[in-house]
Protein backbone atom coordinates (compact mmCIF):
# COMPACT_ATOMS: atom_id res chain seq x y z
CA UNK A 1 12.14 -24.90 -13.45
CA UNK A 2 15.67 -25.26 -12.02
CA UNK A 3 17.20 -22.22 -10.41
CA UNK A 4 20.65 -21.11 -11.48
CA UNK A 5 22.67 -20.08 -8.43
CA UNK A 6 24.40 -16.76 -8.66
CA UNK A 7 28.11 -17.04 -9.20
CA UNK A 8 30.53 -14.52 -7.68
CA UNK A 9 31.19 -11.81 -10.20
CA UNK A 10 33.25 -8.66 -10.38
CA UNK A 11 31.74 -5.58 -8.74
CA UNK A 12 29.24 -3.89 -10.99
CA UNK A 13 25.74 -2.50 -11.00
CA UNK A 14 23.15 -4.19 -8.80
CA UNK A 15 20.88 -6.22 -11.05
CA UNK A 16 17.24 -5.70 -10.09
CA UNK A 17 14.77 -8.15 -11.59
CA UNK A 18 11.51 -6.34 -12.36
CA UNK A 19 9.25 -9.36 -12.18
CA UNK A 20 6.10 -9.32 -14.33
CA UNK A 21 3.32 -11.90 -14.24
CA UNK A 22 -0.11 -12.11 -15.93
CA UNK A 23 -2.63 -9.70 -14.43
CA UNK A 24 -0.14 -7.76 -12.31
CA UNK A 25 -0.20 -3.98 -11.85
CA UNK A 26 3.18 -2.91 -13.31
CA UNK A 27 3.08 0.81 -12.40
CA UNK A 28 5.55 0.27 -9.56
CA UNK A 29 7.96 -1.54 -11.87
CA UNK A 30 7.94 1.31 -14.38
CA UNK A 31 8.46 3.82 -11.57
CA UNK A 32 11.34 1.78 -10.17
CA UNK A 33 12.98 1.44 -13.59
CA UNK A 34 12.83 5.20 -14.15
CA UNK A 35 14.15 5.85 -10.66
CA UNK A 36 17.10 3.47 -11.02
CA UNK A 37 18.09 5.04 -14.34
CA UNK A 38 17.83 8.55 -12.88
CA UNK A 39 20.14 7.52 -10.03
CA UNK A 40 22.62 6.11 -12.52
CA UNK A 41 22.53 9.40 -14.43
CA UNK A 42 23.06 11.47 -11.29
CA UNK A 43 25.84 9.20 -9.99
CA UNK A 44 27.61 9.25 -13.35
CA UNK A 45 27.97 5.49 -13.38
CA UNK A 46 25.75 2.39 -13.54
CA UNK A 47 24.70 1.68 -9.95
CA UNK A 48 21.52 -0.26 -10.75
CA UNK A 49 20.69 -2.42 -13.75
CA UNK A 50 16.93 -3.01 -14.01
CA UNK A 51 16.17 -6.28 -15.80
CA UNK A 52 12.63 -7.02 -16.99
CA UNK A 53 11.82 -10.67 -16.42
CA UNK A 54 8.55 -12.58 -16.59
CA UNK A 55 6.77 -15.82 -16.04
CA UNK A 56 5.85 -17.65 -19.22
CA UNK A 57 7.22 -17.16 -22.70
CA UNK A 58 8.38 -13.54 -22.21
CA UNK A 59 5.00 -12.21 -23.40
CA UNK A 60 2.83 -11.19 -20.47
CA UNK A 61 -0.70 -9.77 -20.51
CA UNK A 62 -1.16 -6.92 -18.06
CA UNK A 63 -4.34 -5.88 -16.32
CA UNK A 64 -6.86 -4.29 -18.72
CA UNK A 65 -5.13 -5.29 -21.93
CA UNK A 66 -1.49 -4.14 -22.41
CA UNK A 67 0.95 -6.81 -23.58
CA UNK A 68 4.58 -6.65 -22.50
CA UNK A 69 7.49 -8.32 -24.28
CA UNK A 70 10.06 -9.11 -21.60
CA UNK A 71 13.83 -9.23 -21.91
CA UNK A 72 14.27 -12.41 -19.92
CA UNK A 73 12.50 -15.39 -18.38
CA UNK A 74 12.48 -16.38 -14.73
CA UNK A 75 15.82 -18.13 -14.98
CA UNK A 76 17.72 -14.82 -15.30
CA UNK A 77 19.93 -14.38 -12.17
CA UNK A 78 19.59 -11.04 -10.36
CA UNK A 79 20.77 -9.55 -7.07
CA UNK A 80 17.20 -8.69 -6.03
CA UNK A 81 13.70 -9.12 -7.42
CA UNK A 82 10.88 -6.58 -7.26
CA UNK A 83 7.48 -8.33 -7.32
CA UNK A 84 4.38 -6.14 -7.83
CA UNK A 85 0.82 -6.74 -6.68
CA UNK A 86 -2.42 -7.02 -8.57
CA UNK A 87 -5.94 -5.75 -8.08
CA UNK A 88 -7.42 -7.99 -5.38
CA UNK A 89 -10.51 -6.94 -3.43
CA UNK A 90 -11.80 -10.14 -1.86
CA UNK A 91 -10.83 -13.56 -0.58
CA UNK A 92 -12.12 -15.03 -3.84
CA UNK A 93 -9.81 -12.71 -5.83
CA UNK A 94 -6.91 -13.86 -3.65
CA UNK A 95 -7.71 -17.50 -4.36
CA UNK A 96 -7.80 -16.83 -8.12
CA UNK A 97 -4.46 -15.04 -7.95
CA UNK A 98 -2.78 -17.99 -6.26
CA UNK A 99 -4.41 -20.54 -8.57
CA UNK A 100 -3.26 -18.70 -11.70
CA UNK A 101 0.40 -18.26 -10.70
CA UNK A 102 1.58 -21.86 -10.24
CA UNK A 103 4.72 -21.35 -12.34
CA UNK A 104 5.71 -18.19 -10.50
CA UNK A 105 5.09 -19.81 -7.10
CA UNK A 106 7.22 -22.80 -8.05
CA UNK A 107 10.05 -20.46 -9.07
CA UNK A 108 9.80 -18.50 -5.83
CA UNK A 109 10.00 -21.71 -3.78
CA UNK A 110 13.21 -22.75 -5.53
CA UNK A 111 15.09 -19.48 -5.06
CA UNK A 112 18.08 -19.65 -2.69
CA UNK A 113 17.04 -18.78 0.87
CA UNK A 114 18.93 -15.49 1.08
CA UNK A 115 17.66 -14.12 -2.23
CA UNK A 116 16.57 -10.49 -1.84
CA UNK A 117 12.82 -10.22 -2.55
CA UNK A 118 11.02 -6.87 -2.51
CA UNK A 119 7.25 -6.96 -2.81
CA UNK A 120 4.18 -4.86 -2.06
CA UNK A 121 0.39 -4.97 -2.09
CA UNK A 122 -0.84 -8.45 -3.06
CA UNK A 123 2.55 -9.47 -4.34
CA UNK A 124 3.13 -10.27 -0.67
CA UNK A 125 0.52 -13.04 -0.93
CA UNK A 126 2.58 -14.75 -3.64
CA UNK A 127 5.71 -14.60 -1.51
CA UNK A 128 3.72 -15.94 1.45
CA UNK A 129 2.22 -18.77 -0.63
CA UNK A 130 5.72 -19.80 -1.67
CA UNK A 131 6.74 -20.04 1.99
CA UNK A 132 9.33 -17.29 1.67
CA UNK A 133 8.15 -15.37 4.75
CA UNK A 134 7.21 -18.23 7.07
CA UNK A 135 8.10 -17.28 10.68
CA UNK A 136 8.92 -13.76 9.51
CA UNK A 137 7.18 -10.47 10.19
CA UNK A 138 5.43 -9.05 7.14
CA UNK A 139 2.83 -6.52 6.09
CA UNK A 140 0.45 -6.25 3.13
CA UNK A 141 -2.61 -4.37 1.93
CA UNK A 142 -4.68 -4.23 5.08
CA UNK A 143 -8.21 -4.75 3.70
CA UNK A 144 -7.41 -8.42 3.03
CA UNK A 145 -6.00 -8.89 6.51
CA UNK A 146 -8.43 -11.61 7.51
CA UNK A 147 -7.99 -13.92 4.48
CA UNK A 148 -4.23 -13.45 4.57
CA UNK A 149 -4.10 -14.35 8.25
CA UNK A 150 -6.31 -17.41 7.66
CA UNK A 151 -4.31 -18.73 4.69
CA UNK A 152 -0.78 -18.00 5.86
CA UNK A 153 -0.69 -18.77 9.55
CA UNK A 154 3.08 -19.24 9.61
CA UNK A 155 3.61 -15.53 8.78
CA UNK A 156 3.89 -13.04 11.65
CA UNK A 157 1.57 -10.44 10.15
CA UNK A 158 1.76 -6.83 11.33
CA UNK A 159 -0.67 -4.73 9.30
CA UNK A 160 0.11 -1.60 11.34
CA UNK A 161 3.42 -1.23 9.53
CA UNK A 162 3.81 0.21 6.04
CA UNK A 163 7.16 -1.52 5.38
CA UNK A 164 8.82 -4.50 7.08
CA UNK A 165 12.17 -6.11 6.27
CA UNK A 166 13.30 -9.47 7.56
CA UNK A 167 15.63 -12.18 6.26
CA UNK A 168 16.24 -10.50 2.92
CA UNK A 169 12.56 -9.93 2.15
CA UNK A 170 10.94 -6.48 2.18
CA UNK A 171 7.15 -6.32 2.25
CA UNK A 172 5.12 -3.12 1.88
CA UNK A 173 1.43 -2.29 2.19
CA UNK A 174 -0.82 -0.71 -0.41
CA UNK A 175 -0.96 -0.48 -4.19
CA UNK A 176 1.52 2.41 -3.98
CA UNK A 177 3.69 0.56 -1.49
CA UNK A 178 6.55 0.55 -3.96
CA UNK A 179 7.38 4.16 -2.98
CA UNK A 180 7.86 3.25 0.67
CA UNK A 181 9.70 0.07 -0.32
CA UNK A 182 12.08 1.85 -2.68
CA UNK A 183 12.67 4.56 -0.11
CA UNK A 184 13.70 1.87 2.40
CA UNK A 185 16.06 0.27 -0.11
CA UNK A 186 17.63 3.44 -1.49
CA UNK A 187 18.19 5.45 1.69
CA UNK A 188 20.74 2.81 2.75
CA UNK A 189 22.50 2.67 -0.59
CA UNK A 190 22.45 6.18 -2.05
CA UNK A 191 23.87 9.38 -0.49
CA UNK A 192 21.19 11.74 0.78
CA UNK A 193 22.21 14.60 -1.52
CA UNK A 194 21.97 12.33 -4.56
CA UNK A 195 18.49 11.16 -3.57
CA UNK A 196 17.38 14.74 -2.97
CA UNK A 197 18.47 15.76 -6.48
CA UNK A 198 16.75 12.74 -8.03
CA UNK A 199 13.52 13.34 -6.08
CA UNK A 200 13.41 16.97 -7.17
CA UNK A 201 14.17 16.17 -10.81
CA UNK A 202 11.55 13.42 -11.03
CA UNK A 203 8.95 15.11 -8.79
CA UNK A 204 8.66 11.95 -6.74
CA UNK A 205 5.77 11.78 -4.27
CA UNK A 206 6.47 11.02 -0.67
CA UNK A 207 5.26 7.68 0.58
CA UNK A 208 2.58 8.87 3.00
CA UNK A 209 0.78 6.57 5.35
CA UNK A 210 -1.92 7.88 7.64
CA UNK A 211 -2.86 6.58 11.06
CA UNK A 212 -4.06 2.94 11.02
CA UNK A 213 -7.18 3.94 12.98
CA UNK A 214 -8.62 5.35 9.73
CA UNK A 215 -8.18 2.23 7.62
CA UNK A 216 -11.86 1.16 7.92
CA UNK A 217 -12.93 4.36 6.10
CA UNK A 218 -10.38 4.36 3.28
CA UNK A 219 -12.39 4.78 0.11
CA UNK A 220 -10.46 2.25 -1.96
CA UNK A 221 -10.83 -0.37 0.76
CA UNK A 222 -14.61 -0.54 0.43
CA UNK A 223 -15.72 -3.53 -1.63
CA UNK A 224 -19.38 -2.48 -1.23
CA UNK A 225 -20.37 0.32 -3.67
CA UNK A 226 -22.95 1.57 -1.17
CA UNK A 227 -20.26 2.12 1.46
CA UNK A 228 -18.21 4.12 -1.04
CA UNK A 229 -21.30 6.25 -1.70
CA UNK A 230 -21.80 6.74 2.01
CA UNK A 231 -18.28 8.04 2.55
CA UNK A 232 -18.90 10.88 0.08
CA UNK A 233 -22.33 11.50 1.64
CA UNK A 234 -20.99 11.71 5.19
CA UNK A 235 -18.08 13.93 4.17
CA UNK A 236 -20.57 16.51 2.93
CA UNK A 237 -22.52 16.54 6.21
CA UNK A 238 -21.64 18.35 9.44
CA UNK A 239 -20.62 15.95 12.21
CA UNK A 240 -23.61 17.04 14.29
CA UNK A 241 -26.01 15.75 11.57
CA UNK A 242 -24.72 12.17 11.44
CA UNK A 243 -27.15 9.32 12.07
CA UNK A 244 -27.29 5.71 11.00
CA UNK A 245 -30.96 6.05 10.05
CA UNK A 246 -30.30 9.00 7.72
CA UNK A 247 -27.39 7.13 6.14
CA UNK A 248 -29.62 4.09 5.61
CA UNK A 249 -32.26 6.25 3.92
CA UNK A 250 -29.59 7.68 1.61
CA UNK A 251 -28.65 4.23 0.26
CA UNK A 252 -32.23 2.91 0.40
CA UNK A 253 -31.56 0.24 3.02
CA UNK A 254 -33.09 -0.46 6.38
CA UNK A 255 -31.11 0.72 9.38
CA UNK A 256 -30.64 -2.89 10.47
CA UNK A 257 -29.38 -4.02 7.05
CA UNK A 258 -26.93 -1.12 6.75
CA UNK A 259 -25.62 -1.66 10.27
CA UNK A 260 -25.07 -5.36 9.60
CA UNK A 261 -23.35 -4.65 6.29
CA UNK A 262 -20.99 -2.06 7.77
CA UNK A 263 -20.07 -4.35 10.66
CA UNK A 264 -19.42 -7.27 8.30
CA UNK A 265 -17.18 -5.20 6.06
CA UNK A 266 -15.29 -3.15 8.64
CA UNK A 267 -15.59 -5.02 11.98
CA UNK A 268 -16.79 -1.85 13.74
CA UNK A 269 -20.27 -0.55 14.48
CA UNK A 270 -22.12 1.61 11.98
CA UNK A 271 -22.20 4.63 14.28
CA UNK A 272 -18.48 4.44 14.95
CA UNK A 273 -17.78 4.02 11.23
CA UNK A 274 -19.74 7.19 10.39
CA UNK A 275 -17.94 9.20 13.08
CA UNK A 276 -14.62 7.84 11.86
CA UNK A 277 -15.27 9.31 8.40
CA UNK A 278 -15.56 12.78 9.91
CA UNK A 279 -12.47 12.29 12.05
CA UNK A 280 -10.59 11.13 8.96
CA UNK A 281 -11.52 14.45 7.34
CA UNK A 282 -10.07 16.25 10.33
CA UNK A 283 -6.90 14.14 10.15
CA UNK A 284 -6.49 14.87 6.43
CA UNK A 285 -6.94 18.59 7.06
CA UNK A 286 -4.35 18.53 9.84
CA UNK A 287 -1.88 16.71 7.59
CA UNK A 288 -2.40 18.67 4.39
CA UNK A 289 -3.06 22.26 5.45
CA UNK A 290 -2.03 24.93 7.92
CA UNK A 291 -5.62 25.71 8.88
CA UNK A 292 -6.25 26.25 12.60
CA UNK A 293 -8.07 23.61 14.60
CA UNK A 294 -10.89 26.11 15.09
CA UNK A 295 -11.32 26.41 11.31
CA UNK A 296 -11.12 22.65 10.76
CA UNK A 297 -13.62 22.05 13.55
CA UNK A 298 -16.12 24.47 12.01
CA UNK A 299 -15.73 23.12 8.49
CA UNK A 300 -16.17 19.50 9.60
CA UNK A 301 -19.23 20.47 11.63
CA UNK A 302 -18.16 19.43 15.12
CA UNK A 303 -19.93 21.25 17.97
CA UNK A 304 -16.74 22.59 19.56
CA UNK A 305 -13.00 22.14 19.63
CA UNK A 306 -12.97 20.41 23.03
CA UNK A 307 -15.28 17.58 21.92
CA UNK A 308 -13.35 17.20 18.68
CA UNK A 309 -10.04 16.94 20.52
CA UNK A 310 -11.46 14.33 22.92
CA UNK A 311 -12.83 12.22 20.07
CA UNK A 312 -9.61 12.51 18.07
CA UNK A 313 -7.43 11.51 21.03
CA UNK A 314 -9.72 8.59 21.90
CA UNK A 315 -9.57 7.32 18.31
CA UNK A 316 -5.89 7.80 17.48
CA UNK A 317 -4.19 8.00 20.87
CA UNK A 318 -2.71 11.30 19.68
CA UNK A 319 -3.50 14.96 20.17
CA UNK A 320 -4.35 16.93 17.05
CA UNK A 321 -1.05 18.83 17.28
CA UNK A 322 0.94 15.60 17.64
CA UNK A 323 -0.88 14.15 14.62
CA UNK A 324 -0.05 17.20 12.50
CA UNK A 325 3.58 17.01 13.52
CA UNK A 326 3.91 13.30 12.70
CA UNK A 327 1.78 13.02 9.57
CA UNK A 328 1.81 16.55 8.22
CA UNK A 329 2.92 17.39 4.71
CA UNK A 330 4.36 20.81 3.89
CA UNK A 331 1.46 22.30 1.93
CA UNK A 332 0.66 25.98 2.14
CA UNK A 333 -2.90 26.08 0.87
CA UNK A 334 -5.82 26.12 3.35
CA UNK A 335 -8.32 23.33 3.83
CA UNK A 336 -10.38 22.82 0.69
CA UNK A 337 -13.96 21.60 0.72
C-alpha cells in the first residue's frame, strides 16, 4: 500500500491516528480519544483531532468479539499514530501476532522515517518487526523480554524504563502503558493548569510503575496458573512460615518440580521468588498507605524491622523510607489485608 506523504498545511489541530488492528486491545485508544476531546473542551479550541483508522476494510474485529467500524483506512495522513497492544503471554503468541499483521507491518515499514509513532505493550513488537526502532532504545511489556530480545536484536532494549522516546517513536511498557505514554506526550504540549483540570474532571489514574525488582512476582505476568495460585497463597502467610516444600504441597507438586518451574518462568530461585512476594507486599503497603514500618512488618509476618529493612535494601537498593518517597501514592487509608 503506497504511503501518502503529508503536505504542509495551515496550523490546526494535531491529527492523532488511533490505529486499530484485528485482535488488539483498544481500551487505550478509547481513553486517548476521550482525553483529547476533554482537552479541546477545556482549551476552548480544537487542539487534537483523534482519527480512527484501521487495517483492512474499515471493519475490525476486537478481542473477545466487538466489531468496530472505522472512519478511515491506513492511507489517512496523520501527525502521529497511537498503536495499541494485544494480549500476548508467550513467545508463541508473539509469533502469531506478527504472522497475522502482514498488512499493518507493511504499512509501518513504508511510513516516512520521522513519522511520530506512539505505542505500548505488545504494539511495540509490531513497530520493532517493521524496523522502526532499529538501533533505538525502547521498552515493552517486560514478561516477554527474552523473546523480544531474541527476535529484535537491532533494538536497544531497556525493560527497566516505563517510557522511552527516541527518533520520533515513543514506546511504553504494560497493558496500561498508554497512561504513561500520554502523560509524556501531553506534559510537553498542554499547560499544567489545563492538564490538572482535565485530570480532575475525568478522574484519570496516575501511571504508576513499581520497582523493577518486583516484576517476577507480578500476578498478571505469570503464565503458569499454579504460580498465580501460589502468589495468593504466599500473601496470606507470614514471612516466617515460607518454605518451598510447603508451597509445593499446596499446588500438589514435588519440591523439585516446583523449583524447576519457578526458575524456568522467572529466572530466579524458588526460595527467592517466595521471599520476593512478601517484600512486594511490603512495597505495596509503603506506596499505598501511611502505616508505620512496624505495623507493615507485623502484618507481613517478618520477625523484626531490622531484618525486613536489610532484605528490602538488598532487593531494591533502596531504604523503605526512600521507596515510600519515590513510589508512594497519596492515600490516607491504612494497610488493608
